[in-house]
Amino acid sequence: MVLATVHPDGQVASATIEKSSGYRQLDADAVATVKKWRFQPLSKKDADQKILIPVRLDPNHVPAVGSSSQAG
């Protein structure tokens, strides 16, 4: 689980591990990925929002190098 603090403009201010996967590198990758995200704020508040994000790791799904996981 990753805990992200999001600014009102949707930019991630910080991200930390709330519950570890048990693997340091996977945790670091999850945090790095969430820090790149941009959110649409849930409200018009001027304050940062905290969001708890479950991260599902599937060891059976490893995308090929250079492939995209986006449908399209």
PDB file of N, CA and C in Angstrom:
ATOM      1  N   MET A   1       0.845  -1.169   0.000  1.00  0.00           N
ATOM      2  CA  MET A   1       0.000   0.000   0.000  1.00  0.00           C
ATOM      3  C   MET A   1       0.892   1.234   0.000  1.00  0.00           C
ATOM      4  N   VAL A   2       0.557   2.171  -0.860  1.00  0.00           N
ATOM      5  CA  VAL A   2       1.297   3.423  -0.956  1.00  0.00           C
ATOM      6  C   VAL A   2       0.394   4.544  -0.458  1.00  0.00           C
ATOM      7  N   LEU A   3       0.932   5.376   0.427  1.00  0.00           N
ATOM      8  CA  LEU A   3       0.218   6.547   0.908  1.00  0.00           C
ATOM      9  C   LEU A   3       0.771   7.751   0.163  1.00  0.00           C
ATOM     10  N   ALA A   4      -0.092   8.417  -0.610  1.00  0.00           N
ATOM     11  CA  ALA A   4       0.327   9.575  -1.389  1.00  0.00           C
ATOM     12  C   ALA A   4      -0.339  10.827  -0.845  1.00  0.00           C
ATOM     13  N   THR A   5       0.411  11.898  -0.807  1.00  0.00           N
ATOM     14  CA  THR A   5      -0.127  13.218  -0.497  1.00  0.00           C
ATOM     15  C   THR A   5      -0.192  13.970  -1.813  1.00  0.00           C
ATOM     16  N   VAL A   6      -1.400  14.461  -2.146  1.00  0.00           N
ATOM     17  CA  VAL A   6      -1.642  15.085  -3.437  1.00  0.00           C
ATOM     18  C   VAL A   6      -2.021  16.548  -3.236  1.00  0.00           C
ATOM     19  N   HIS A   7      -1.326  17.430  -3.966  1.00  0.00           N
ATOM     20  CA  HIS A   7      -1.642  18.859  -3.935  1.00  0.00           C
ATOM     21  C   HIS A   7      -2.994  19.099  -4.613  1.00  0.00           C
ATOM     22  N   PRO A   8      -3.638  20.237  -4.329  1.00  0.00           N
ATOM     23  CA  PRO A   8      -4.924  20.539  -4.973  1.00  0.00           C
ATOM     24  C   PRO A   8      -4.876  20.518  -6.501  1.00  0.00           C
ATOM     25  N   ASP A   9      -3.702  20.778  -7.097  1.00  0.00           N
ATOM     26  CA  ASP A   9      -3.603  20.754  -8.565  1.00  0.00           C
ATOM     27  C   ASP A   9      -3.441  19.342  -9.127  1.00  0.00           C
ATOM     28  N   GLY A  10      -3.390  18.325  -8.247  1.00  0.00           N
ATOM     29  CA  GLY A  10      -3.299  16.934  -8.685  1.00  0.00           C
ATOM     30  C   GLY A  10      -1.896  16.369  -8.702  1.00  0.00           C
ATOM     31  N   GLN A  11      -0.900  17.209  -8.437  1.00  0.00           N
ATOM     32  CA  GLN A  11       0.492  16.744  -8.415  1.00  0.00           C
ATOM     33  C   GLN A  11       0.770  16.011  -7.109  1.00  0.00           C
ATOM     34  N   VAL A  12       1.509  14.906  -7.191  1.00  0.00           N
ATOM     35  CA  VAL A  12       1.864  14.136  -5.997  1.00  0.00           C
ATOM     36  C   VAL A  12       2.989  14.862  -5.263  1.00  0.00           C
ATOM     37  N   ALA A  13       2.714  15.233  -4.014  1.00  0.00           N
ATOM     38  CA  ALA A  13       3.701  15.922  -3.182  1.00  0.00           C
ATOM     39  C   ALA A  13       4.669  14.929  -2.569  1.00  0.00           C
ATOM     40  N   SER A  14       4.139  13.779  -2.153  1.00  0.00           N
ATOM     41  CA  SER A  14       4.979  12.747  -1.558  1.00  0.00           C
ATOM     42  C   SER A  14       4.267  11.411  -1.656  1.00  0.00           C
ATOM     43  N   ALA A  15       5.058  10.363  -1.559  1.00  0.00           N
ATOM     44  CA  ALA A  15       4.521   9.002  -1.558  1.00  0.00           C
ATOM     45  C   ALA A  15       5.421   8.154  -0.679  1.00  0.00           C
ATOM     46  N   THR A  16       4.804   7.354   0.171  1.00  0.00           N
ATOM     47  CA  THR A  16       5.543   6.480   1.074  1.00  0.00           C
ATOM     48  C   THR A  16       4.850   5.128   1.142  1.00  0.00           C
ATOM     49  N   ILE A  17       5.586   4.136   1.571  1.00  0.00           N
ATOM     50  CA  ILE A  17       5.015   2.804   1.748  1.00  0.00           C
ATOM     51  C   ILE A  17       4.252   2.757   3.064  1.00  0.00           C
ATOM     52  N   GLU A  18       2.993   2.414   2.977  1.00  0.00           N
ATOM     53  CA  GLU A  18       2.153   2.247   4.162  1.00  0.00           C
ATOM     54  C   GLU A  18       2.205   0.796   4.637  1.00  0.00           C
ATOM     55  N   LYS A  19       2.241  -0.136   3.674  1.00  0.00           N
ATOM     56  CA  LYS A  19       2.362  -1.567   3.979  1.00  0.00           C
ATOM     57  C   LYS A  19       3.293  -2.168   2.931  1.00  0.00           C
ATOM     58  N   SER A  20       4.384  -2.739   3.376  1.00  0.00           N
ATOM     59  CA  SER A  20       5.411  -3.258   2.474  1.00  0.00           C
ATOM     60  C   SER A  20       4.975  -4.538   1.772  1.00  0.00           C
ATOM     61  N   SER A  21       5.496  -4.705   0.571  1.00  0.00           N
ATOM     62  CA  SER A  21       5.296  -5.951  -0.174  1.00  0.00           C
ATOM     63  C   SER A  21       6.218  -7.040   0.366  1.00  0.00           C
ATOM     64  N   GLY A  22       7.216  -6.610   1.143  1.00  0.00           N
ATOM     65  CA  GLY A  22       8.219  -7.537   1.642  1.00  0.00           C
ATOM     66  C   GLY A  22       9.477  -7.537   0.790  1.00  0.00           C
ATOM     67  N   TYR A  23       9.438  -6.772  -0.307  1.00  0.00           N
ATOM     68  CA  TYR A  23      10.574  -6.673  -1.215  1.00  0.00           C
ATOM     69  C   TYR A  23      10.939  -5.199  -1.389  1.00  0.00           C
ATOM     70  N   ARG A  24      12.123  -4.841  -0.940  1.00  0.00           N
ATOM     71  CA  ARG A  24      12.544  -3.443  -0.947  1.00  0.00           C
ATOM     72  C   ARG A  24      12.481  -2.815  -2.338  1.00  0.00           C
ATOM     73  N   GLN A  25      12.947  -3.532  -3.370  1.00  0.00           N
ATOM     74  CA  GLN A  25      12.955  -2.963  -4.720  1.00  0.00           C
ATOM     75  C   GLN A  25      11.540  -2.763  -5.257  1.00  0.00           C
ATOM     76  N   LEU A  26      10.638  -3.707  -4.996  1.00  0.00           N
ATOM     77  CA  LEU A  26       9.255  -3.545  -5.447  1.00  0.00           C
ATOM     78  C   LEU A  26       8.600  -2.358  -4.764  1.00  0.00           C
ATOM     79  N   ASP A  27       8.858  -2.192  -3.471  1.00  0.00           N
ATOM     80  CA  ASP A  27       8.322  -1.040  -2.737  1.00  0.00           C
ATOM     81  C   ASP A  27       8.847   0.262  -3.332  1.00  0.00           C
ATOM     82  N   ALA A  28      10.154   0.306  -3.610  1.00  0.00           N
ATOM     83  CA  ALA A  28      10.765   1.511  -4.182  1.00  0.00           C
ATOM     84  C   ALA A  28      10.173   1.810  -5.560  1.00  0.00           C
ATOM     85  N   ASP A  29       9.961   0.784  -6.359  1.00  0.00           N
ATOM     86  CA  ASP A  29       9.376   0.974  -7.693  1.00  0.00           C
ATOM     87  C   ASP A  29       7.938   1.480  -7.601  1.00  0.00           C
ATOM     88  N   ALA A  30       7.172   0.959  -6.650  1.00  0.00           N
ATOM     89  CA  ALA A  30       5.790   1.405  -6.469  1.00  0.00           C
ATOM     90  C   ALA A  30       5.750   2.884  -6.086  1.00  0.00           C
ATOM     91  N   VAL A  31       6.614   3.291  -5.163  1.00  0.00           N
ATOM     92  CA  VAL A  31       6.671   4.697  -4.740  1.00  0.00           C
ATOM     93  C   VAL A  31       7.094   5.585  -5.908  1.00  0.00           C
ATOM     94  N   ALA A  32       8.115   5.177  -6.642  1.00  0.00           N
ATOM     95  CA  ALA A  32       8.596   5.961  -7.784  1.00  0.00           C
ATOM     96  C   ALA A  32       7.505   6.123  -8.842  1.00  0.00           C
ATOM     97  N   THR A  33       6.739   5.077  -9.076  1.00  0.00           N
ATOM     98  CA  THR A  33       5.664   5.131 -10.066  1.00  0.00           C
ATOM     99  C   THR A  33       4.567   6.086  -9.628  1.00  0.00           C
ATOM    100  N   VAL A  34       4.125   5.977  -8.376  1.00  0.00           N
ATOM    101  CA  VAL A  34       3.058   6.846  -7.871  1.00  0.00           C
ATOM    102  C   VAL A  34       3.495   8.311  -7.906  1.00  0.00           C
ATOM    103  N   LYS A  35       4.759   8.588  -7.637  1.00  0.00           N
ATOM    104  CA  LYS A  35       5.244   9.970  -7.659  1.00  0.00           C
ATOM    105  C   LYS A  35       5.146  10.588  -9.057  1.00  0.00           C
ATOM    106  N   LYS A  36       5.094   9.769 -10.100  1.00  0.00           N
ATOM    107  CA  LYS A  36       4.972  10.264 -11.473  1.00  0.00           C
ATOM    108  C   LYS A  36       3.520  10.532 -11.872  1.00  0.00           C
ATOM    109  N   TRP A  37       2.566   9.984 -11.109  1.00  0.00           N
ATOM    110  CA  TRP A  37       1.159  10.132 -11.446  1.00  0.00           C
ATOM    111  C   TRP A  37       0.679  11.557 -11.229  1.00  0.00           C
ATOM    112  N   ARG A  38      -0.419  11.883 -11.873  1.00  0.00           N
ATOM    113  CA  ARG A  38      -1.101  13.151 -11.654  1.00  0.00           C
ATOM    114  C   ARG A  38      -2.576  12.818 -11.441  1.00  0.00           C
ATOM    115  N   PHE A  39      -3.149  13.371 -10.381  1.00  0.00           N
ATOM    116  CA  PHE A  39      -4.525  13.090 -10.005  1.00  0.00           C
ATOM    117  C   PHE A  39      -5.433  14.267 -10.309  1.00  0.00           C
ATOM    118  N   GLN A  40      -6.699  13.952 -10.531  1.00  0.00           N
ATOM    119  CA  GLN A  40      -7.712  14.991 -10.570  1.00  0.00           C
ATOM    120  C   GLN A  40      -8.208  15.110  -9.136  1.00  0.00           C
ATOM    121  N   PRO A  41      -8.068  16.283  -8.521  1.00  0.00           N
ATOM    122  CA  PRO A  41      -8.479  16.421  -7.122  1.00  0.00           C
ATOM    123  C   PRO A  41      -9.945  16.048  -6.923  1.00  0.00           C
ATOM    124  N   LEU A  42     -10.220  15.486  -5.751  1.00  0.00           N
ATOM    125  CA  LEU A  42     -11.581  15.054  -5.433  1.00  0.00           C
ATOM    126  C   LEU A  42     -12.480  16.206  -5.025  1.00  0.00           C
ATOM    127  N   SER A  43     -11.878  17.326  -4.643  1.00  0.00           N
ATOM    128  CA  SER A  43     -12.668  18.472  -4.210  1.00  0.00           C
ATOM    129  C   SER A  43     -11.937  19.757  -4.576  1.00  0.00           C
ATOM    130  N   LYS A  44     -12.566  20.865  -4.321  1.00  0.00           N
ATOM    131  CA  LYS A  44     -11.981  22.177  -4.614  1.00  0.00           C
ATOM    132  C   LYS A  44     -11.224  22.721  -3.407  1.00  0.00           C
ATOM    133  N   LYS A  45     -10.939  21.885  -2.435  1.00  0.00           N
ATOM    134  CA  LYS A  45     -10.236  22.318  -1.230  1.00  0.00           C
ATOM    135  C   LYS A  45      -8.855  22.867  -1.578  1.00  0.00           C
ATOM    136  N   ASP A  46      -8.380  23.770  -0.738  1.00  0.00           N
ATOM    137  CA  ASP A  46      -7.044  24.332  -0.917  1.00  0.00           C
ATOM    138  C   ASP A  46      -5.978  23.506  -0.218  1.00  0.00           C
ATOM    139  N   ALA A  47      -6.378  22.476   0.483  1.00  0.00           N
ATOM    140  CA  ALA A  47      -5.433  21.667   1.258  1.00  0.00           C
ATOM    141  C   ALA A  47      -5.028  20.409   0.485  1.00  0.00           C
ATOM    142  N   ASP A  48      -3.843  19.899   0.816  1.00  0.00           N
ATOM    143  CA  ASP A  48      -3.399  18.628   0.252  1.00  0.00           C
ATOM    144  C   ASP A  48      -4.343  17.515   0.694  1.00  0.00           C
ATOM    145  N   GLN A  49      -4.403  16.466  -0.103  1.00  0.00           N
ATOM    146  CA  GLN A  49      -5.229  15.306   0.213  1.00  0.00           C
ATOM    147  C   GLN A  49      -4.345  14.083   0.332  1.00  0.00           C
ATOM    148  N   LYS A  50      -4.659  13.217   1.287  1.00  0.00           N
ATOM    149  CA  LYS A  50      -3.931  11.960   1.438  1.00  0.00           C
ATOM    150  C   LYS A  50      -4.777  10.857   0.815  1.00  0.00           C
ATOM    151  N   ILE A  51      -4.112  10.014   0.020  1.00  0.00           N
ATOM    152  CA  ILE A  51      -4.797   8.931  -0.686  1.00  0.00           C
ATOM    153  C   ILE A  51      -4.021   7.645  -0.441  1.00  0.00           C
ATOM    154  N   LEU A  52      -4.719   6.605  -0.020  1.00  0.00           N
ATOM    155  CA  LEU A  52      -4.109   5.294   0.181  1.00  0.00           C
ATOM    156  C   LEU A  52      -4.353   4.471  -1.082  1.00  0.00           C
ATOM    157  N   ILE A  53      -3.265   4.013  -1.701  1.00  0.00           N
ATOM    158  CA  ILE A  53      -3.344   3.330  -2.992  1.00  0.00           C
ATOM    159  C   ILE A  53      -2.884   1.883  -2.841  1.00  0.00           C
ATOM    160  N   PRO A  54      -3.789   0.930  -3.064  1.00  0.00           N
ATOM    161  CA  PRO A  54      -3.350  -0.467  -3.059  1.00  0.00           C
ATOM    162  C   PRO A  54      -2.564  -0.754  -4.340  1.00  0.00           C
ATOM    163  N   VAL A  55      -1.448  -1.426  -4.203  1.00  0.00           N
ATOM    164  CA  VAL A  55      -0.623  -1.779  -5.350  1.00  0.00           C
ATOM    165  C   VAL A  55      -0.648  -3.295  -5.472  1.00  0.00           C
ATOM    166  N   ARG A  56      -1.109  -3.774  -6.606  1.00  0.00           N
ATOM    167  CA  ARG A  56      -1.187  -5.214  -6.839  1.00  0.00           C
ATOM    168  C   ARG A  56      -0.014  -5.627  -7.711  1.00  0.00           C
ATOM    169  N   LEU A  57       0.764  -6.537  -7.222  1.00  0.00           N
ATOM    170  CA  LEU A  57       1.911  -7.041  -7.964  1.00  0.00           C
ATOM    171  C   LEU A  57       1.584  -8.442  -8.449  1.00  0.00           C
ATOM    172  N   ASP A  58       1.704  -8.649  -9.743  1.00  0.00           N
ATOM    173  CA  ASP A  58       1.399  -9.946 -10.337  1.00  0.00           C
ATOM    174  C   ASP A  58       2.680 -10.509 -10.951  1.00  0.00           C
ATOM    175  N   PRO A  59       3.326 -11.454 -10.260  1.00  0.00           N
ATOM    176  CA  PRO A  59       4.579 -11.997 -10.783  1.00  0.00           C
ATOM    177  C   PRO A  59       4.398 -12.794 -12.071  1.00  0.00           C
ATOM    178  N   ASN A  60       3.160 -13.144 -12.399  1.00  0.00           N
ATOM    179  CA  ASN A  60       2.899 -13.896 -13.630  1.00  0.00           C
ATOM    180  C   ASN A  60       2.730 -12.983 -14.838  1.00  0.00           C
ATOM    181  N   HIS A  61       2.651 -11.670 -14.598  1.00  0.00           N
ATOM    182  CA  HIS A  61       2.498 -10.714 -15.696  1.00  0.00           C
ATOM    183  C   HIS A  61       3.728  -9.824 -15.748  1.00  0.00           C
ATOM    184  N   VAL A  62       4.594 -10.127 -16.688  1.00  0.00           N
ATOM    185  CA  VAL A  62       5.797  -9.329 -16.892  1.00  0.00           C
ATOM    186  C   VAL A  62       5.745  -8.829 -18.323  1.00  0.00           C
ATOM    187  N   PRO A  63       5.511  -7.513 -18.516  1.00  0.00           N
ATOM    188  CA  PRO A  63       5.428  -7.001 -19.887  1.00  0.00           C
ATOM    189  C   PRO A  63       6.757  -7.152 -20.618  1.00  0.00           C
ATOM    190  N   ALA A  64       6.663  -7.392 -21.908  1.00  0.00           N
ATOM    191  CA  ALA A  64       7.870  -7.500 -22.724  1.00  0.00           C
ATOM    192  C   ALA A  64       8.560  -6.140 -22.786  1.00  0.00           C
ATOM    193  N   VAL A  65       9.849  -6.155 -22.920  1.00  0.00           N
ATOM    194  CA  VAL A  65      10.620  -4.911 -23.016  1.00  0.00           C
ATOM    195  C   VAL A  65      10.140  -4.122 -24.222  1.00  0.00           C
ATOM    196  N   GLY A  66       9.846  -2.846 -23.998  1.00  0.00           N
ATOM    197  CA  GLY A  66       9.412  -1.978 -25.078  1.00  0.00           C
ATOM    198  C   GLY A  66       7.915  -2.041 -25.370  1.00  0.00           C
ATOM    199  N   SER A  67       7.185  -2.886 -24.653  1.00  0.00           N
ATOM    200  CA  SER A  67       5.748  -2.971 -24.889  1.00  0.00           C
ATOM    201  C   SER A  67       5.027  -2.027 -23.948  1.00  0.00           C
ATOM    202  N   SER A  68       3.794  -1.735 -24.267  1.00  0.00           N
ATOM    203  CA  SER A  68       2.963  -0.868 -23.438  1.00  0.00           C
ATOM    204  C   SER A  68       1.821  -1.677 -22.880  1.00  0.00           C
ATOM    205  N   SER A  69       1.499  -1.430 -21.603  1.00  0.00           N
ATOM    206  CA  SER A  69       0.381  -2.149 -20.987  1.00  0.00           C
ATOM    207  C   SER A  69      -0.941  -1.431 -21.222  1.00  0.00           C
ATOM    208  N   GLN A  70      -0.926  -0.288 -21.944  1.00  0.00           N
ATOM    209  CA  GLN A  70      -2.143   0.446 -22.208  1.00  0.00           C
ATOM    210  C   GLN A  70      -2.846  -0.136 -23.419  1.00  0.00           C
ATOM    211  N   ALA A  71      -4.159  -0.235 -23.295  1.00  0.00           N
ATOM    212  CA  ALA A  71      -4.953  -0.691 -24.435  1.00  0.00           C
ATOM    213  C   ALA A  71      -5.100   0.458 -25.412  1.00  0.00           C
ATOM    214  N   GLY A  72      -5.193   0.159 -26.662  1.00  0.00           N
ATOM    215  CA  GLY A  72      -5.412   1.288 -27.509  1.00  0.00           C
ATOM    216  C   GLY A  72      -5.287   1.025 -28.902  1.00  0.00           C
TER     217      GLY A  72
END
